[in-house]
């Protein structure tokens, strides 16, 4: 029986399908510990290292979302320039309004 698939390989294949389903339902946010907990809640007899190993073999990883970081600090005592444009972004002539962006400059506060 040369082309026969072992029982363990068949179980791994079925388990991988379940892992992929849980991973997709979590919007690809769950990694092996959470997927293991979800499978355990479904009464699946599986260990976390096995789930981890199958996920690594299938290259399934959690897609981490970046946390929102506030980049402006308006609660300070520094002098602020007056808002001369007031959201009127149309200019009738050249050199009427100048704008800039200094977010690329590194400071001690980040």
N, C-alpha and C. Protein backbone atom coordinates (compact mmCIF):
# COMPACT_ATOMS: atom_id res chain seq x y z
N UNK A 1 0.84 -1.18 0.00
CA UNK A 1 0.00 0.00 0.00
C UNK A 1 0.88 1.24 0.00
N UNK A 2 1.36 1.58 -1.15
CA UNK A 2 2.33 2.65 -1.22
C UNK A 2 1.71 4.04 -1.08
N UNK A 3 0.58 4.34 -1.65
CA UNK A 3 0.02 5.68 -1.64
C UNK A 3 -0.93 5.91 -0.47
N UNK A 4 -0.98 5.01 0.50
CA UNK A 4 -1.92 5.14 1.61
C UNK A 4 -1.49 6.27 2.56
N UNK A 5 -2.48 7.01 3.04
CA UNK A 5 -2.23 8.10 3.97
C UNK A 5 -2.47 7.57 5.38
N UNK A 6 -1.55 7.87 6.29
CA UNK A 6 -1.68 7.38 7.66
C UNK A 6 -2.86 8.04 8.36
N UNK A 7 -3.31 7.42 9.42
CA UNK A 7 -4.44 7.95 10.19
C UNK A 7 -4.08 9.30 10.80
N UNK A 8 -2.86 9.44 11.28
CA UNK A 8 -2.41 10.69 11.89
C UNK A 8 -2.37 11.82 10.86
N UNK A 9 -1.88 11.50 9.66
CA UNK A 9 -1.82 12.51 8.60
C UNK A 9 -3.23 12.96 8.21
N UNK A 10 -4.18 12.03 8.17
CA UNK A 10 -5.56 12.38 7.86
C UNK A 10 -6.17 13.24 8.97
N UNK A 11 -5.87 12.90 10.22
CA UNK A 11 -6.35 13.71 11.35
C UNK A 11 -5.78 15.12 11.29
N UNK A 12 -4.48 15.22 10.97
CA UNK A 12 -3.83 16.52 10.85
C UNK A 12 -4.47 17.35 9.73
N UNK A 13 -4.80 16.71 8.63
CA UNK A 13 -5.44 17.40 7.51
C UNK A 13 -6.81 17.93 7.93
N UNK A 14 -7.61 17.11 8.61
CA UNK A 14 -8.92 17.55 9.08
C UNK A 14 -8.81 18.65 10.13
N UNK A 15 -7.82 18.50 11.02
CA UNK A 15 -7.60 19.50 12.06
C UNK A 15 -7.16 20.83 11.45
N UNK A 16 -6.34 20.77 10.42
CA UNK A 16 -5.89 21.99 9.75
C UNK A 16 -7.07 22.74 9.12
N UNK A 17 -8.03 22.00 8.59
CA UNK A 17 -9.22 22.64 8.03
C UNK A 17 -9.98 23.38 9.12
N UNK A 18 -10.11 22.76 10.30
CA UNK A 18 -10.79 23.41 11.42
C UNK A 18 -10.00 24.63 11.90
N UNK A 19 -8.69 24.51 11.94
CA UNK A 19 -7.84 25.63 12.35
C UNK A 19 -8.03 26.80 11.39
N UNK A 20 -8.06 26.52 10.09
CA UNK A 20 -8.24 27.58 9.10
C UNK A 20 -9.61 28.24 9.24
N UNK A 21 -10.64 27.45 9.56
CA UNK A 21 -11.98 28.02 9.77
C UNK A 21 -12.00 28.97 10.95
N UNK A 22 -11.42 28.54 12.08
CA UNK A 22 -11.38 29.39 13.27
C UNK A 22 -10.57 30.65 12.99
N UNK A 23 -9.47 30.49 12.27
CA UNK A 23 -8.60 31.62 11.94
C UNK A 23 -9.34 32.64 11.07
N UNK A 24 -10.10 32.15 10.10
CA UNK A 24 -10.86 33.05 9.22
C UNK A 24 -11.99 33.74 9.98
N UNK A 25 -12.67 33.00 10.87
CA UNK A 25 -13.77 33.58 11.64
C UNK A 25 -13.27 34.66 12.59
N UNK A 26 -12.03 34.56 13.01
CA UNK A 26 -11.45 35.56 13.91
C UNK A 26 -10.87 36.74 13.14
N UNK A 27 -11.13 36.79 11.84
CA UNK A 27 -10.58 37.83 10.96
C UNK A 27 -9.05 37.80 11.00
N UNK A 28 -8.51 36.61 11.09
CA UNK A 28 -7.07 36.33 11.09
C UNK A 28 -6.35 36.97 12.27
N UNK A 29 -7.08 37.16 13.38
CA UNK A 29 -6.48 37.76 14.58
C UNK A 29 -5.98 36.72 15.57
N UNK A 30 -6.53 35.51 15.55
CA UNK A 30 -6.16 34.49 16.53
C UNK A 30 -4.86 33.80 16.15
N UNK A 31 -4.01 33.58 17.15
CA UNK A 31 -2.82 32.78 16.98
C UNK A 31 -3.07 31.44 17.67
N UNK A 32 -2.06 30.61 17.79
CA UNK A 32 -2.27 29.24 18.26
C UNK A 32 -2.93 29.12 19.64
N UNK A 33 -2.61 29.95 20.64
CA UNK A 33 -3.28 29.76 21.93
C UNK A 33 -4.80 29.97 21.86
N UNK A 34 -5.23 30.99 21.15
CA UNK A 34 -6.67 31.25 21.05
C UNK A 34 -7.37 30.22 20.17
N UNK A 35 -6.71 29.80 19.11
CA UNK A 35 -7.30 28.77 18.26
C UNK A 35 -7.42 27.47 19.04
N UNK A 36 -6.41 27.16 19.84
CA UNK A 36 -6.47 25.97 20.70
C UNK A 36 -7.66 26.06 21.65
N UNK A 37 -7.86 27.23 22.27
CA UNK A 37 -8.99 27.40 23.19
C UNK A 37 -10.32 27.24 22.46
N UNK A 38 -10.40 27.77 21.23
CA UNK A 38 -11.64 27.64 20.46
C UNK A 38 -11.92 26.19 20.10
N UNK A 39 -10.88 25.44 19.74
CA UNK A 39 -11.05 24.03 19.42
C UNK A 39 -11.39 23.22 20.66
N UNK A 40 -10.78 23.59 21.79
CA UNK A 40 -11.08 22.91 23.05
C UNK A 40 -12.54 23.14 23.44
N UNK A 41 -13.05 24.34 23.18
CA UNK A 41 -14.45 24.65 23.48
C UNK A 41 -15.40 23.83 22.60
N UNK A 42 -14.92 23.43 21.42
CA UNK A 42 -15.71 22.57 20.53
C UNK A 42 -15.51 21.10 20.83
N UNK A 43 -14.86 20.81 21.97
CA UNK A 43 -14.59 19.44 22.43
C UNK A 43 -13.69 18.66 21.48
N UNK A 44 -12.73 19.36 20.87
CA UNK A 44 -11.77 18.70 20.00
C UNK A 44 -10.58 18.24 20.84
N UNK A 45 -10.21 16.97 20.76
CA UNK A 45 -9.05 16.49 21.53
C UNK A 45 -7.74 16.86 20.82
N UNK A 46 -7.19 18.01 21.20
CA UNK A 46 -5.99 18.50 20.53
C UNK A 46 -5.13 19.25 21.55
N UNK A 47 -3.83 19.27 21.32
CA UNK A 47 -2.94 20.00 22.22
C UNK A 47 -2.51 21.31 21.55
N UNK A 48 -2.11 22.27 22.37
CA UNK A 48 -1.68 23.55 21.82
C UNK A 48 -0.41 23.42 20.98
N UNK A 49 0.58 22.60 21.40
CA UNK A 49 1.77 22.46 20.55
C UNK A 49 1.45 21.87 19.16
N UNK A 50 0.46 20.98 19.12
CA UNK A 50 0.07 20.41 17.83
C UNK A 50 -0.57 21.48 16.94
N UNK A 51 -1.44 22.29 17.53
CA UNK A 51 -2.05 23.38 16.78
C UNK A 51 -0.97 24.33 16.29
N UNK A 52 -0.02 24.65 17.15
CA UNK A 52 1.08 25.54 16.80
C UNK A 52 1.90 24.95 15.65
N UNK A 53 2.22 23.68 15.73
CA UNK A 53 3.02 23.02 14.70
C UNK A 53 2.30 23.02 13.35
N UNK A 54 1.00 22.70 13.37
CA UNK A 54 0.24 22.67 12.12
C UNK A 54 0.10 24.07 11.52
N UNK A 55 -0.05 25.06 12.39
CA UNK A 55 -0.15 26.43 11.89
C UNK A 55 1.17 26.88 11.26
N UNK A 56 2.29 26.50 11.86
CA UNK A 56 3.59 26.86 11.30
C UNK A 56 3.81 26.18 9.96
N UNK A 57 3.42 24.90 9.87
CA UNK A 57 3.59 24.18 8.61
C UNK A 57 2.75 24.79 7.50
N UNK A 58 1.55 25.25 7.85
CA UNK A 58 0.65 25.85 6.85
C UNK A 58 0.90 27.35 6.69
N UNK A 59 1.86 27.89 7.44
CA UNK A 59 2.20 29.33 7.40
C UNK A 59 0.99 30.20 7.73
N UNK A 60 0.26 29.80 8.77
CA UNK A 60 -0.88 30.57 9.25
C UNK A 60 -0.41 31.37 10.46
N UNK A 61 -0.56 32.69 10.39
CA UNK A 61 -0.14 33.56 11.48
C UNK A 61 -1.22 34.59 11.75
N UNK A 62 -1.24 35.09 12.96
CA UNK A 62 -2.17 36.15 13.32
C UNK A 62 -1.71 37.45 12.67
N UNK A 63 -2.66 38.19 12.12
CA UNK A 63 -2.37 39.48 11.52
C UNK A 63 -2.64 40.54 12.58
N UNK A 64 -1.59 41.06 13.18
CA UNK A 64 -1.75 42.03 14.25
C UNK A 64 -2.07 43.40 13.69
N UNK A 65 -3.02 44.06 14.31
CA UNK A 65 -3.39 45.40 13.89
C UNK A 65 -2.59 46.40 14.73
N UNK A 66 -2.16 47.45 14.09
CA UNK A 66 -1.43 48.48 14.82
C UNK A 66 -2.39 49.27 15.68
N UNK A 67 -1.96 49.56 16.87
CA UNK A 67 -2.78 50.37 17.77
C UNK A 67 -2.75 51.82 17.32
N UNK A 68 -3.86 52.49 17.53
CA UNK A 68 -3.94 53.90 17.18
C UNK A 68 -3.07 54.69 18.15
N UNK A 69 -2.22 55.53 17.60
CA UNK A 69 -1.33 56.33 18.43
C UNK A 69 -1.63 57.81 18.18
N UNK A 70 -1.89 58.52 19.24
CA UNK A 70 -2.16 59.94 19.12
C UNK A 70 -0.84 60.65 18.84
N UNK A 71 -0.82 61.44 17.78
CA UNK A 71 0.43 62.10 17.39
C UNK A 71 0.41 63.60 17.63
N UNK A 72 -0.73 64.12 18.02
CA UNK A 72 -0.79 65.57 18.28
C UNK A 72 -1.06 65.81 19.76
N UNK A 73 -0.51 66.89 20.26
CA UNK A 73 -0.70 67.27 21.65
C UNK A 73 -1.13 68.73 21.68
N UNK A 74 -2.43 68.95 21.81
CA UNK A 74 -2.93 70.33 21.81
C UNK A 74 -3.06 70.88 23.22
N UNK A 75 -2.76 70.06 24.23
CA UNK A 75 -2.87 70.51 25.62
C UNK A 75 -1.49 70.92 26.14
N UNK A 76 -0.97 71.98 25.56
CA UNK A 76 0.33 72.48 25.99
C UNK A 76 0.26 74.00 26.11
N UNK A 77 1.29 74.55 26.69
CA UNK A 77 1.32 76.00 26.91
C UNK A 77 2.17 76.74 25.88
N UNK A 78 2.57 76.07 24.80
CA UNK A 78 3.40 76.71 23.80
C UNK A 78 2.57 77.67 22.94
N UNK A 79 3.22 78.65 22.40
CA UNK A 79 2.54 79.61 21.52
C UNK A 79 2.15 78.91 20.22
N UNK A 80 0.91 79.16 19.78
CA UNK A 80 0.45 78.57 18.52
C UNK A 80 0.17 79.68 17.53
N UNK A 81 0.47 79.42 16.29
CA UNK A 81 0.21 80.41 15.24
C UNK A 81 -1.29 80.55 15.02
N UNK A 82 -1.67 81.70 14.58
CA UNK A 82 -3.07 81.97 14.31
C UNK A 82 -3.49 81.24 13.03
N UNK A 83 -4.71 80.75 12.99
CA UNK A 83 -5.23 80.04 11.83
C UNK A 83 -5.75 81.08 10.83
N UNK A 84 -4.92 81.40 9.86
CA UNK A 84 -5.28 82.42 8.87
C UNK A 84 -6.08 81.85 7.69
N UNK A 85 -6.01 80.56 7.48
CA UNK A 85 -6.68 79.95 6.33
C UNK A 85 -8.13 79.59 6.64
N UNK A 86 -8.41 79.17 7.86
CA UNK A 86 -9.76 78.75 8.27
C UNK A 86 -10.39 77.77 7.29
N UNK A 87 -9.63 76.75 6.90
CA UNK A 87 -10.07 75.67 6.02
C UNK A 87 -10.47 76.16 4.63
N UNK A 88 -10.05 77.35 4.23
CA UNK A 88 -10.28 77.84 2.88
C UNK A 88 -9.03 77.51 2.07
N UNK A 89 -9.07 76.38 1.36
CA UNK A 89 -7.88 75.88 0.70
C UNK A 89 -7.78 76.33 -0.76
N UNK A 90 -8.61 77.24 -1.17
CA UNK A 90 -8.50 77.75 -2.54
C UNK A 90 -7.70 79.04 -2.53
N UNK A 91 -6.81 79.16 -3.47
CA UNK A 91 -5.97 80.36 -3.57
C UNK A 91 -6.21 81.00 -4.93
N UNK A 92 -6.33 82.29 -4.94
CA UNK A 92 -6.57 83.01 -6.19
C UNK A 92 -5.27 83.36 -6.91
N UNK A 93 -4.17 83.48 -6.16
CA UNK A 93 -2.87 83.76 -6.78
C UNK A 93 -1.81 82.87 -6.15
N UNK A 94 -0.65 82.85 -6.73
CA UNK A 94 0.45 82.08 -6.17
C UNK A 94 1.03 82.81 -4.96
N UNK A 95 1.70 82.09 -4.11
CA UNK A 95 2.33 82.61 -2.89
C UNK A 95 1.33 83.27 -1.94
N UNK A 96 0.09 82.83 -1.99
CA UNK A 96 -0.92 83.40 -1.10
C UNK A 96 -0.96 82.65 0.24
N UNK A 97 -0.74 81.33 0.20
CA UNK A 97 -0.75 80.52 1.42
C UNK A 97 0.34 79.47 1.32
N UNK A 98 1.04 79.27 2.42
CA UNK A 98 2.10 78.27 2.49
C UNK A 98 1.76 77.30 3.61
N UNK A 99 2.01 76.01 3.35
CA UNK A 99 1.77 75.00 4.38
C UNK A 99 3.00 74.11 4.47
N UNK A 100 3.13 73.40 5.59
CA UNK A 100 4.25 72.48 5.75
C UNK A 100 3.85 71.35 6.68
N UNK A 101 4.67 70.33 6.69
CA UNK A 101 4.44 69.18 7.54
C UNK A 101 5.78 68.80 8.17
N UNK A 102 5.84 68.84 9.50
CA UNK A 102 7.11 68.55 10.17
C UNK A 102 7.04 67.25 10.96
N UNK A 103 6.12 66.35 10.60
CA UNK A 103 5.99 65.09 11.34
C UNK A 103 7.19 64.17 11.16
N UNK A 104 8.03 64.45 10.15
CA UNK A 104 9.19 63.59 9.91
C UNK A 104 10.36 63.92 10.84
N UNK A 105 10.28 65.03 11.57
CA UNK A 105 11.38 65.43 12.44
C UNK A 105 11.26 64.69 13.78
N UNK A 106 12.32 63.97 14.15
CA UNK A 106 12.32 63.24 15.42
C UNK A 106 12.57 64.20 16.57
N UNK A 107 11.80 64.02 17.65
CA UNK A 107 11.96 64.84 18.85
C UNK A 107 12.17 63.94 20.04
N UNK A 108 12.47 64.49 21.18
CA UNK A 108 12.67 63.69 22.38
C UNK A 108 11.37 63.02 22.84
N UNK A 109 10.23 63.62 22.51
CA UNK A 109 8.95 63.03 22.94
C UNK A 109 8.41 62.05 21.92
N UNK A 110 9.08 61.83 20.84
CA UNK A 110 8.64 60.85 19.86
C UNK A 110 8.21 61.40 18.62
